[in-house]
PDB file of N, CA and C in Angstrom:
ATOM      1  N   GLY A   1    -187.534 -56.442  49.092  1.00  0.00           N
ATOM      2  CA  GLY A   1    -187.672 -57.116  50.311  1.00  0.00           C
ATOM      3  C   GLY A   1    -188.197 -56.247  51.420  1.00  0.00           C
ATOM      4  N   LYS A   2    -188.843 -56.914  52.308  1.00  0.00           N
ATOM      5  CA  LYS A   2    -189.371 -56.250  53.498  1.00  0.00           C
ATOM      6  C   LYS A   2    -188.279 -56.174  54.549  1.00  0.00           C
ATOM      7  N   PRO A   3    -188.369 -55.194  55.433  1.00  0.00           N
ATOM      8  CA  PRO A   3    -187.364 -55.101  56.493  1.00  0.00           C
ATOM      9  C   PRO A   3    -187.506 -56.258  57.486  1.00  0.00           C
ATOM     10  N   VAL A   4    -186.407 -56.611  58.089  1.00  0.00           N
ATOM     11  CA  VAL A   4    -186.401 -57.709  59.063  1.00  0.00           C
ATOM     12  C   VAL A   4    -187.196 -57.339  60.310  1.00  0.00           C
ATOM     13  N   SER A   5    -187.406 -56.055  60.534  1.00  0.00           N
ATOM     14  CA  SER A   5    -188.115 -55.610  61.731  1.00  0.00           C
ATOM     15  C   SER A   5    -189.544 -56.150  61.810  1.00  0.00           C
ATOM     16  N   VAL A   6    -190.127 -56.602  60.681  1.00  0.00           N
ATOM     17  CA  VAL A   6    -191.467 -57.186  60.740  1.00  0.00           C
ATOM     18  C   VAL A   6    -191.485 -58.466  61.560  1.00  0.00           C
ATOM     19  N   LEU A   7    -190.351 -59.086  61.738  1.00  0.00           N
ATOM     20  CA  LEU A   7    -190.276 -60.301  62.553  1.00  0.00           C
ATOM     21  C   LEU A   7    -190.299 -59.991  64.042  1.00  0.00           C
ATOM     22  N   LEU A   8    -190.019 -58.749  64.413  1.00  0.00           N
ATOM     23  CA  LEU A   8    -189.941 -58.401  65.825  1.00  0.00           C
ATOM     24  C   LEU A   8    -191.294 -58.491  66.521  1.00  0.00           C
ATOM     25  N   LEU A   9    -192.367 -58.104  65.852  1.00  0.00           N
ATOM     26  CA  LEU A   9    -193.682 -58.125  66.488  1.00  0.00           C
ATOM     27  C   LEU A   9    -194.117 -59.537  66.875  1.00  0.00           C
ATOM     28  N   PRO A  10    -194.084 -60.528  65.960  1.00  0.00           N
ATOM     29  CA  PRO A  10    -194.463 -61.877  66.393  1.00  0.00           C
ATOM     30  C   PRO A  10    -193.509 -62.447  67.446  1.00  0.00           C
ATOM     31  N   ALA A  11    -192.217 -62.153  67.311  1.00  0.00           N
ATOM     32  CA  ALA A  11    -191.254 -62.655  68.297  1.00  0.00           C
ATOM     33  C   ALA A  11    -191.508 -62.023  69.659  1.00  0.00           C
ATOM     34  N   ALA A  12    -191.758 -60.717  69.674  1.00  0.00           N
ATOM     35  CA  ALA A  12    -192.039 -60.033  70.941  1.00  0.00           C
ATOM     36  C   ALA A  12    -193.342 -60.541  71.543  1.00  0.00           C
ATOM     37  N   GLY A  13    -194.342 -60.773  70.687  1.00  0.00           N
ATOM     38  CA  GLY A  13    -195.609 -61.307  71.180  1.00  0.00           C
ATOM     39  C   GLY A  13    -195.434 -62.676  71.811  1.00  0.00           C
ATOM     40  N   GLY A  14    -194.637 -63.516  71.170  1.00  0.00           N
ATOM     41  CA  GLY A  14    -194.363 -64.835  71.737  1.00  0.00           C
ATOM     42  C   GLY A  14    -193.633 -64.743  73.062  1.00  0.00           C
ATOM     43  N   GLY A  15    -192.633 -63.862  73.129  1.00  0.00           N
ATOM     44  CA  GLY A  15    -191.876 -63.683  74.371  1.00  0.00           C
ATOM     45  C   GLY A  15    -192.718 -63.105  75.487  1.00  0.00           C
ATOM     46  N   ILE A  16    -193.517 -62.095  75.159  1.00  0.00           N
ATOM     47  CA  ILE A  16    -194.368 -61.460  76.175  1.00  0.00           C
ATOM     48  C   ILE A  16    -195.402 -62.451  76.695  1.00  0.00           C
ATOM     49  N   THR A  17    -195.884 -63.321  75.846  1.00  0.00           N
ATOM     50  CA  THR A  17    -196.837 -64.339  76.276  1.00  0.00           C
ATOM     51  C   THR A  17    -196.152 -65.426  77.093  1.00  0.00           C
ATOM     52  N   ALA A  18    -194.924 -65.766  76.743  1.00  0.00           N
ATOM     53  CA  ALA A  18    -194.221 -66.858  77.419  1.00  0.00           C
ATOM     54  C   ALA A  18    -193.815 -66.502  78.843  1.00  0.00           C
ATOM     55  N   ILE A  19    -193.473 -65.244  79.088  1.00  0.00           N
ATOM     56  CA  ILE A  19    -192.997 -64.857  80.422  1.00  0.00           C
ATOM     57  C   ILE A  19    -194.065 -65.090  81.488  1.00  0.00           C
ATOM     58  N   PRO A  20    -195.283 -64.532  81.354  1.00  0.00           N
ATOM     59  CA  PRO A  20    -196.277 -64.820  82.397  1.00  0.00           C
ATOM     60  C   PRO A  20    -196.680 -66.290  82.441  1.00  0.00           C
ATOM     61  N   ALA A  21    -196.700 -66.946  81.278  1.00  0.00           N
ATOM     62  CA  ALA A  21    -197.059 -68.367  81.263  1.00  0.00           C
ATOM     63  C   ALA A  21    -196.043 -69.192  82.036  1.00  0.00           C
ATOM     64  N   ALA A  22    -194.771 -68.802  81.973  1.00  0.00           N
ATOM     65  CA  ALA A  22    -193.736 -69.529  82.708  1.00  0.00           C
ATOM     66  C   ALA A  22    -193.819 -69.251  84.202  1.00  0.00           C
ATOM     67  N   LEU A  23    -194.306 -68.079  84.571  1.00  0.00           N
ATOM     68  CA  LEU A  23    -194.382 -67.715  85.983  1.00  0.00           C
ATOM     69  C   LEU A  23    -195.617 -68.290  86.669  1.00  0.00           C
ATOM     70  N   LEU A  24    -196.646 -68.616  85.907  1.00  0.00           N
ATOM     71  CA  LEU A  24    -197.866 -69.164  86.483  1.00  0.00           C
ATOM     72  C   LEU A  24    -197.741 -70.670  86.654  1.00  0.00           C
ATOM     73  N   ALA A  25    -198.210 -71.143  87.768  1.00  0.00           N
ATOM     74  CA  ALA A  25    -198.257 -72.590  87.988  1.00  0.00           C
ATOM     75  C   ALA A  25    -199.656 -73.064  87.604  1.00  0.00           C
ATOM     76  N   LEU A  26    -199.772 -73.695  86.463  1.00  0.00           N
ATOM     77  CA  LEU A  26    -201.066 -74.173  86.005  1.00  0.00           C
ATOM     78  C   LEU A  26    -201.479 -75.406  86.794  1.00  0.00           C
ATOM     79  N   PRO A  27    -202.760 -75.482  87.170  1.00  0.00           N
ATOM     80  CA  PRO A  27    -203.211 -76.687  87.873  1.00  0.00           C
ATOM     81  C   PRO A  27    -203.242 -77.872  86.908  1.00  0.00           C
ATOM     82  N   GLY A  28    -203.104 -79.047  87.441  1.00  0.00           N
ATOM     83  CA  GLY A  28    -203.211 -80.231  86.610  1.00  0.00           C
ATOM     84  C   GLY A  28    -201.892 -80.914  86.324  1.00  0.00           C
ATOM     85  N   GLY A  29    -200.796 -80.307  86.676  1.00  0.00           N
ATOM     86  CA  GLY A  29    -199.505 -80.960  86.525  1.00  0.00           C
ATOM     87  C   GLY A  29    -198.950 -80.931  85.119  1.00  0.00           C
ATOM     88  N   ASP A  30    -198.040 -81.843  84.891  1.00  0.00           N
ATOM     89  CA  ASP A  30    -197.283 -81.871  83.641  1.00  0.00           C
ATOM     90  C   ASP A  30    -198.122 -82.086  82.383  1.00  0.00           C
ATOM     91  N   PRO A  31    -199.133 -82.950  82.382  1.00  0.00           N
ATOM     92  CA  PRO A  31    -199.899 -83.114  81.131  1.00  0.00           C
ATOM     93  C   PRO A  31    -200.548 -81.810  80.649  1.00  0.00           C
ATOM     94  N   LEU A  32    -201.138 -81.042  81.561  1.00  0.00           N
ATOM     95  CA  LEU A  32    -201.761 -79.777  81.164  1.00  0.00           C
ATOM     96  C   LEU A  32    -200.705 -78.775  80.709  1.00  0.00           C
ATOM     97  N   ASN A  33    -199.580 -78.723  81.424  1.00  0.00           N
ATOM     98  CA  ASN A  33    -198.486 -77.837  81.007  1.00  0.00           C
ATOM     99  C   ASN A  33    -197.979 -78.214  79.619  1.00  0.00           C
ATOM    100  N   ALA A  34    -197.911 -79.501  79.327  1.00  0.00           N
ATOM    101  CA  ALA A  34    -197.456 -79.948  78.007  1.00  0.00           C
ATOM    102  C   ALA A  34    -198.439 -79.523  76.923  1.00  0.00           C
ATOM    103  N   VAL A  35    -199.737 -79.599  77.212  1.00  0.00           N
ATOM    104  CA  VAL A  35    -200.746 -79.174  76.237  1.00  0.00           C
ATOM    105  C   VAL A  35    -200.627 -77.679  75.973  1.00  0.00           C
ATOM    106  N   VAL A  36    -200.485 -76.890  77.035  1.00  0.00           N
ATOM    107  CA  VAL A  36    -200.362 -75.433  76.879  1.00  0.00           C
ATOM    108  C   VAL A  36    -199.094 -75.098  76.102  1.00  0.00           C
ATOM    109  N   PHE A  37    -197.975 -75.734  76.456  1.00  0.00           N
ATOM    110  CA  PHE A  37    -196.722 -75.466  75.749  1.00  0.00           C
ATOM    111  C   PHE A  37    -196.817 -75.898  74.290  1.00  0.00           C
ATOM    112  N   GLY A  38    -197.412 -77.052  74.038  1.00  0.00           N
ATOM    113  CA  GLY A  38    -197.565 -77.520  72.660  1.00  0.00           C
ATOM    114  C   GLY A  38    -198.419 -76.583  71.830  1.00  0.00           C
ATOM    115  N   PHE A  39    -199.491 -76.066  72.427  1.00  0.00           N
ATOM    116  CA  PHE A  39    -200.341 -75.110  71.715  1.00  0.00           C
ATOM    117  C   PHE A  39    -199.565 -73.836  71.399  1.00  0.00           C
ATOM    118  N   ALA A  40    -198.835 -73.322  72.390  1.00  0.00           N
ATOM    119  CA  ALA A  40    -198.055 -72.097  72.180  1.00  0.00           C
ATOM    120  C   ALA A  40    -196.973 -72.308  71.124  1.00  0.00           C
ATOM    121  N   ALA A  41    -196.304 -73.445  71.178  1.00  0.00           N
ATOM    122  CA  ALA A  41    -195.261 -73.730  70.188  1.00  0.00           C
ATOM    123  C   ALA A  41    -195.865 -73.862  68.794  1.00  0.00           C
ATOM    124  N   GLY A  42    -197.040 -74.457  68.696  1.00  0.00           N
ATOM    125  CA  GLY A  42    -197.711 -74.583  67.405  1.00  0.00           C
ATOM    126  C   GLY A  42    -198.085 -73.238  66.814  1.00  0.00           C
ATOM    127  N   VAL A  43    -198.590 -72.331  67.662  1.00  0.00           N
ATOM    128  CA  VAL A  43    -198.924 -70.982  67.188  1.00  0.00           C
ATOM    129  C   VAL A  43    -197.663 -70.272  66.727  1.00  0.00           C
ATOM    130  N   PHE A  44    -196.591 -70.385  67.520  1.00  0.00           N
ATOM    131  CA  PHE A  44    -195.331 -69.732  67.157  1.00  0.00           C
ATOM    132  C   PHE A  44    -194.809 -70.285  65.829  1.00  0.00           C
ATOM    133  N   LEU A  45    -194.856 -71.594  65.652  1.00  0.00           N
ATOM    134  CA  LEU A  45    -194.382 -72.207  64.413  1.00  0.00           C
ATOM    135  C   LEU A  45    -195.239 -71.772  63.227  1.00  0.00           C
ATOM    136  N   HIS A  46    -196.551 -71.673  63.444  1.00  0.00           N
ATOM    137  CA  HIS A  46    -197.438 -71.230  62.367  1.00  0.00           C
ATOM    138  C   HIS A  46    -197.082 -69.813  61.918  1.00  0.00           C
ATOM    139  N   VAL A  47    -196.840 -68.925  62.880  1.00  0.00           N
ATOM    140  CA  VAL A  47    -196.449 -67.552  62.541  1.00  0.00           C
ATOM    141  C   VAL A  47    -195.098 -67.557  61.828  1.00  0.00           C
ATOM    142  N   ALA A  48    -194.160 -68.352  62.315  1.00  0.00           N
ATOM    143  CA  ALA A  48    -192.835 -68.410  61.692  1.00  0.00           C
ATOM    144  C   ALA A  48    -192.921 -68.934  60.263  1.00  0.00           C
ATOM    145  N   MET A  49    -193.780 -69.920  60.026  1.00  0.00           N
ATOM    146  CA  MET A  49    -193.917 -70.487  58.682  1.00  0.00           C
ATOM    147  C   MET A  49    -194.465 -69.457  57.695  1.00  0.00           C
ATOM    148  N   ASP A  50    -195.259 -68.505  58.194  1.00  0.00           N
ATOM    149  CA  ASP A  50    -195.786 -67.460  57.311  1.00  0.00           C
ATOM    150  C   ASP A  50    -194.681 -66.576  56.758  1.00  0.00           C
ATOM    151  N   PHE A  51    -193.543 -66.526  57.441  1.00  0.00           N
ATOM    152  CA  PHE A  51    -192.446 -65.681  57.000  1.00  0.00           C
ATOM    153  C   PHE A  51    -191.461 -66.413  56.091  1.00  0.00           C
ATOM    154  N   LEU A  52    -191.632 -67.730  55.922  1.00  0.00           N
ATOM    155  CA  LEU A  52    -190.732 -68.474  55.045  1.00  0.00           C
ATOM    156  C   LEU A  52    -190.997 -68.093  53.595  1.00  0.00           C
ATOM    157  N   PRO A  53    -189.953 -67.942  52.814  1.00  0.00           N
ATOM    158  CA  PRO A  53    -190.176 -67.628  51.397  1.00  0.00           C
ATOM    159  C   PRO A  53    -190.724 -68.844  50.658  1.00  0.00           C
ATOM    160  N   ARG A  54    -191.464 -68.595  49.622  1.00  0.00           N
ATOM    161  CA  ARG A  54    -191.983 -69.680  48.783  1.00  0.00           C
ATOM    162  C   ARG A  54    -190.928 -70.002  47.733  1.00  0.00           C
ATOM    163  N   CYS A  55    -190.190 -71.067  47.981  1.00  0.00           N
ATOM    164  CA  CYS A  55    -189.072 -71.454  47.107  1.00  0.00           C
ATOM    165  C   CYS A  55    -189.555 -72.466  46.078  1.00  0.00           C
ATOM    166  N   GLU A  56    -190.370 -72.033  45.151  1.00  0.00           N
ATOM    167  CA  GLU A  56    -190.906 -72.934  44.141  1.00  0.00           C
ATOM    168  C   GLU A  56    -190.784 -72.290  42.772  1.00  0.00           C
ATOM    169  N   LEU A  57    -190.945 -73.095  41.760  1.00  0.00           N
ATOM    170  CA  LEU A  57    -190.886 -72.561  40.401  1.00  0.00           C
ATOM    171  C   LEU A  57    -192.017 -71.554  40.209  1.00  0.00           C
ATOM    172  N   GLY A  58    -191.670 -70.394  39.718  1.00  0.00           N
ATOM    173  CA  GLY A  58    -192.656 -69.351  39.491  1.00  0.00           C
ATOM    174  C   GLY A  58    -192.889 -68.451  40.682  1.00  0.00           C
ATOM    175  N   GLY A  59    -192.326 -68.787  41.846  1.00  0.00           N
ATOM    176  CA  GLY A  59    -192.487 -67.962  43.035  1.00  0.00           C
ATOM    177  C   GLY A  59    -191.564 -66.756  42.999  1.00  0.00           C
ATOM    178  N   GLU A  60    -191.731 -65.915  44.008  1.00  0.00           N
ATOM    179  CA  GLU A  60    -190.928 -64.687  44.047  1.00  0.00           C
ATOM    180  C   GLU A  60    -189.439 -64.964  44.208  1.00  0.00           C
ATOM    181  N   VAL A  61    -189.093 -65.998  44.967  1.00  0.00           N
ATOM    182  CA  VAL A  61    -187.680 -66.338  45.130  1.00  0.00           C
ATOM    183  C   VAL A  61    -187.124 -66.885  43.820  1.00  0.00           C
ATOM    184  N   TYR A  62    -187.938 -67.654  43.091  1.00  0.00           N
ATOM    185  CA  TYR A  62    -187.492 -68.207  41.806  1.00  0.00           C
ATOM    186  C   TYR A  62    -187.179 -67.092  40.811  1.00  0.00           C
ATOM    187  N   GLU A  63    -187.986 -66.042  40.822  1.00  0.00           N
ATOM    188  CA  GLU A  63    -187.745 -64.927  39.903  1.00  0.00           C
ATOM    189  C   GLU A  63    -186.376 -64.310  40.140  1.00  0.00           C
ATOM    190  N   VAL A  64    -185.989 -64.194  41.403  1.00  0.00           N
ATOM    191  CA  VAL A  64    -184.673 -63.644  41.730  1.00  0.00           C
ATOM    192  C   VAL A  64    -183.584 -64.656  41.407  1.00  0.00           C
ATOM    193  N   ALA A  65    -183.842 -65.931  41.735  1.00  0.00           N
ATOM    194  CA  ALA A  65    -182.825 -66.966  41.535  1.00  0.00           C
ATOM    195  C   ALA A  65    -182.629 -67.305  40.063  1.00  0.00           C
ATOM    196  N   SER A  66    -183.635 -67.055  39.228  1.00  0.00           N
ATOM    197  CA  SER A  66    -183.551 -67.487  37.840  1.00  0.00           C
ATOM    198  C   SER A  66    -182.590 -66.651  37.000  1.00  0.00           C
ATOM    199  N   VAL A  67    -182.006 -65.626  37.579  1.00  0.00           N
ATOM    200  CA  VAL A  67    -181.027 -64.846  36.821  1.00  0.00           C
ATOM    201  C   VAL A  67    -179.702 -65.588  36.721  1.00  0.00           C
ATOM    202  N   THR A  68    -179.548 -66.667  37.482  1.00  0.00           N
ATOM    203  CA  THR A  68    -178.317 -67.456  37.426  1.00  0.00           C
ATOM    204  C   THR A  68    -178.604 -68.794  36.755  1.00  0.00           C
ATOM    205  N   ASP A  69    -177.548 -69.447  36.329  1.00  0.00           N
ATOM    206  CA  ASP A  69    -177.690 -70.742  35.662  1.00  0.00           C
ATOM    207  C   ASP A  69    -178.061 -71.867  36.624  1.00  0.00           C
ATOM    208  N   ASP A  70    -177.717 -71.707  37.886  1.00  0.00           N
ATOM    209  CA  ASP A  70    -177.978 -72.767  38.864  1.00  0.00           C
ATOM    210  C   ASP A  70    -179.180 -72.427  39.749  1.00  0.00           C
ATOM    211  N   ALA A  71    -180.271 -71.978  39.142  1.00  0.00           N
ATOM    212  CA  ALA A  71    -181.455 -71.547  39.891  1.00  0.00           C
ATOM    213  C   ALA A  71    -182.048 -72.691  40.718  1.00  0.00           C
ATOM    214  N   HIS A  72    -182.130 -73.902  40.149  1.00  0.00           N
ATOM    215  CA  HIS A  72    -182.716 -75.024  40.885  1.00  0.00           C
ATOM    216  C   HIS A  72    -181.864 -75.384  42.098  1.00  0.00           C
ATOM    217  N   ALA A  73    -180.561 -75.373  41.951  1.00  0.00           N
ATOM    218  CA  ALA A  73    -179.679 -75.664  43.086  1.00  0.00           C
ATOM    219  C   ALA A  73    -179.836 -74.601  44.166  1.00  0.00           C
ATOM    220  N   LEU A  74    -179.968 -73.348  43.758  1.00  0.00           N
ATOM    221  CA  LEU A  74    -180.147 -72.265  44.726  1.00  0.00           C
ATOM    222  C   LEU A  74    -181.478 -72.406  45.454  1.00  0.00           C
ATOM    223  N   LEU A  75    -182.539 -72.756  44.728  1.00  0.00           N
ATOM    224  CA  LEU A  75    -183.834 -72.964  45.376  1.00  0.00           C
ATOM    225  C   LEU A  75    -183.771 -74.111  46.377  1.00  0.00           C
ATOM    226  N   ASP A  76    -183.092 -75.197  46.021  1.00  0.00           N
ATOM    227  CA  ASP A  76    -182.933 -76.318  46.951  1.00  0.00           C
ATOM    228  C   ASP A  76    -182.184 -75.886  48.202  1.00  0.00           C
ATOM    229  N   GLU A  77    -181.136 -75.096  48.019  1.00  0.00           N
ATOM    230  CA  GLU A  77    -180.369 -74.609  49.170  1.00  0.00           C
ATOM    231  C   GLU A  77    -181.225 -73.699  50.046  1.00  0.00           C
ATOM    232  N   LEU A  78    -182.022 -72.838  49.431  1.00  0.00           N
ATOM    233  CA  LEU A  78    -182.888 -71.944  50.200  1.00  0.00           C
ATOM    234  C   LEU A  78    -183.948 -72.726  50.963  1.00  0.00           C
ATOM    235  N   ARG A  79    -184.506 -73.774  50.346  1.00  0.00           N
ATOM    236  CA  ARG A  79    -185.477 -74.621  51.047  1.00  0.00           C
ATOM    237  C   ARG A  79    -184.829 -75.283  52.256  1.00  0.00           C
ATOM    238  N   THR A  80    -183.636 -75.802  52.056  1.00  0.00           N
ATOM    239  CA  THR A  80    -182.928 -76.471  53.148  1.00  0.00           C
ATOM    240  C   THR A  80    -182.645 -75.502  54.282  1.00  0.00           C
ATOM    241  N   ARG A  81    -182.199 -74.307  53.947  1.00  0.00           N
ATOM    242  CA  ARG A  81    -181.925 -73.305  54.983  1.00  0.00           C
ATOM    243  C   ARG A  81    -183.199 -72.904  55.722  1.00  0.00           C
ATOM    244  N   ALA A  82    -184.306 -72.763  55.007  1.00  0.00           N
ATOM    245  CA  ALA A  82    -185.562 -72.376  55.647  1.00  0.00           C
ATOM    246  C   ALA A  82    -186.016 -73.444  56.636  1.00  0.00           C
ATOM    247  N   VAL A  83    -185.952 -74.704  56.227  1.00  0.00           N
ATOM    248  CA  VAL A  83    -186.349 -75.795  57.118  1.00  0.00           C
ATOM    249  C   VAL A  83    -185.389 -75.893  58.298  1.00  0.00           C
ATOM    250  N   ALA A  84    -184.096 -75.750  58.051  1.00  0.00           N
ATOM    251  CA  ALA A  84    -183.103 -75.833  59.126  1.00  0.00           C
ATOM    252  C   ALA A  84    -183.287 -74.706  60.134  1.00  0.00           C
ATOM    253  N   SER A  85    -183.525 -73.489  59.661  1.00  0.00           N
ATOM    254  CA  SER A  85    -183.677 -72.376  60.600  1.00  0.00           C
ATOM    255  C   SER A  85    -184.965 -72.513  61.404  1.00  0.00           C
ATOM    256  N   THR A  86    -186.033 -73.021  60.784  1.00  0.00           N
ATOM    257  CA  THR A  86    -187.276 -73.243  61.519  1.00  0.00           C
ATOM    258  C   THR A  86    -187.084 -74.337  62.563  1.00  0.00           C
ATOM    259  N   SER A  87    -186.408 -75.414  62.197  1.00  0.00           N
ATOM    260  CA  SER A  87    -186.142 -76.503  63.143  1.00  0.00           C
ATOM    261  C   SER A  87    -185.257 -76.035  64.282  1.00  0.00           C
ATOM    262  N   LEU A  88    -184.221 -75.275  63.955  1.00  0.00           N
ATOM    263  CA  LEU A  88    -183.332 -74.753  64.992  1.00  0.00           C
ATOM    264  C   LEU A  88    -184.100 -73.854  65.951  1.00  0.00           C
ATOM    265  N   GLY A  89    -184.983 -73.026  65.416  1.00  0.00           N
ATOM    266  CA  GLY A  89    -185.808 -72.174  66.277  1.00  0.00           C
ATOM    267  C   GLY A  89    -186.672 -72.990  67.217  1.00  0.00           C
ATOM    268  N   GLY A  90    -187.263 -74.073  66.713  1.00  0.00           N
ATOM    269  CA  GLY A  90    -188.065 -74.946  67.562  1.00  0.00           C
ATOM    270  C   GLY A  90    -187.239 -75.607  68.652  1.00  0.00           C
ATOM    271  N   ILE A  91    -186.031 -76.009  68.319  1.00  0.00           N
ATOM    272  CA  ILE A  91    -185.137 -76.622  69.309  1.00  0.00           C
ATOM    273  C   ILE A  91    -184.746 -75.607  70.372  1.00  0.00           C
ATOM    274  N   VAL A  92    -184.461 -74.374  69.960  1.00  0.00           N
ATOM    275  CA  VAL A  92    -184.102 -73.323  70.919  1.00  0.00           C
ATOM    276  C   VAL A  92    -185.257 -73.068  71.882  1.00  0.00           C
ATOM    277  N   VAL A  93    -186.490 -73.017  71.360  1.00  0.00           N
ATOM    278  CA  VAL A  93    -187.655 -72.816  72.224  1.00  0.00           C
ATOM    279  C   VAL A  93    -187.799 -73.987  73.188  1.00  0.00           C
ATOM    280  N   PHE A  94    -187.592 -75.208  72.711  1.00  0.00           N
ATOM    281  CA  PHE A  94    -187.704 -76.381  73.573  1.00  0.00           C
ATOM    282  C   PHE A  94    -186.643 -76.365  74.670  1.00  0.00           C
ATOM    283  N   VAL A  95    -185.404 -76.029  74.322  1.00  0.00           N
ATOM    284  CA  VAL A  95    -184.326 -75.959  75.319  1.00  0.00           C
ATOM    285  C   VAL A  95    -184.625 -74.869  76.345  1.00  0.00           C
ATOM    286  N   ALA A  96    -185.140 -73.724  75.882  1.00  0.00           N
ATOM    287  CA  ALA A  96    -185.506 -72.657  76.818  1.00  0.00           C
ATOM    288  C   ALA A  96    -186.592 -73.139  77.774  1.00  0.00           C
ATOM    289  N   TRP A  97    -187.540 -73.906  77.261  1.00  0.00           N
ATOM    290  CA  TRP A  97    -188.587 -74.450  78.117  1.00  0.00           C
ATOM    291  C   TRP A  97    -187.995 -75.408  79.147  1.00  0.00           C
ATOM    292  N   LEU A  98    -187.045 -76.251  78.727  1.00  0.00           N
ATOM    293  CA  LEU A  98    -186.395 -77.167  79.669  1.00  0.00           C
ATOM    294  C   LEU A  98    -185.670 -76.405  80.771  1.00  0.00           C
ATOM    295  N   VAL A  99    -184.994 -75.312  80.396  1.00  0.00           N
ATOM    296  CA  VAL A  99    -184.279 -74.494  81.383  1.00  0.00           C
ATOM    297  C   VAL A  99    -185.262 -73.889  82.376  1.00  0.00           C
ATOM    298  N   ILE A 100    -186.377 -73.378  81.868  1.00  0.00           N
ATOM    299  CA  ILE A 100    -187.387 -72.789  82.751  1.00  0.00           C
ATOM    300  C   ILE A 100    -187.969 -73.848  83.669  1.00  0.00           C
ATOM    301  N   GLN A 101    -188.230 -75.041  83.139  1.00  0.00           N
ATOM    302  CA  GLN A 101    -188.797 -76.120  83.946  1.00  0.00           C
ATOM    303  C   GLN A 101    -187.833 -76.587  85.030  1.00  0.00           C
ATOM    304  N   SER A 102    -186.554 -76.647  84.712  1.00  0.00           N
ATOM    305  CA  SER A 102    -185.590 -77.120  85.710  1.00  0.00           C
ATOM    306  C   SER A 102    -185.371 -76.080  86.800  1.00  0.00           C
ATOM    307  N   GLY A 103    -185.624 -74.816  86.495  1.00  0.00           N
ATOM    308  CA  GLY A 103    -185.467 -73.758  87.491  1.00  0.00           C
ATOM    309  C   GLY A 103    -186.690 -73.588  88.368  1.00  0.00           C
ATOM    310  N   ALA A 104    -187.822 -74.173  87.971  1.00  0.00           N
ATOM    311  CA  ALA A 104    -189.072 -73.977  88.717  1.00  0.00           C
ATOM    312  C   ALA A 104    -189.169 -74.882  89.906  1.00  0.00           C
TER     313      ALA A 104
END
């Protein structure tokens, strides 16, 4: 496995980009702000999806999981956790955006 520190660069890049974007008042009102936020969230999600393990038959996770009798159940659990953590991350970003918007 790779160290978890590889996740710090995309996360830091997203945070460093979000801070000035939150401080700038974009012209055009809420629709333009929504487009910019949606684009940024899409890029962040795309980067996050690149870090998800491939939980499929024959994949690297399957090779590790196949040493047990319940490999398919473990793969299903890993898929569920990956989707849940990605969704939770998206919700956290959305809530942070709401907090920033209410403070502006």
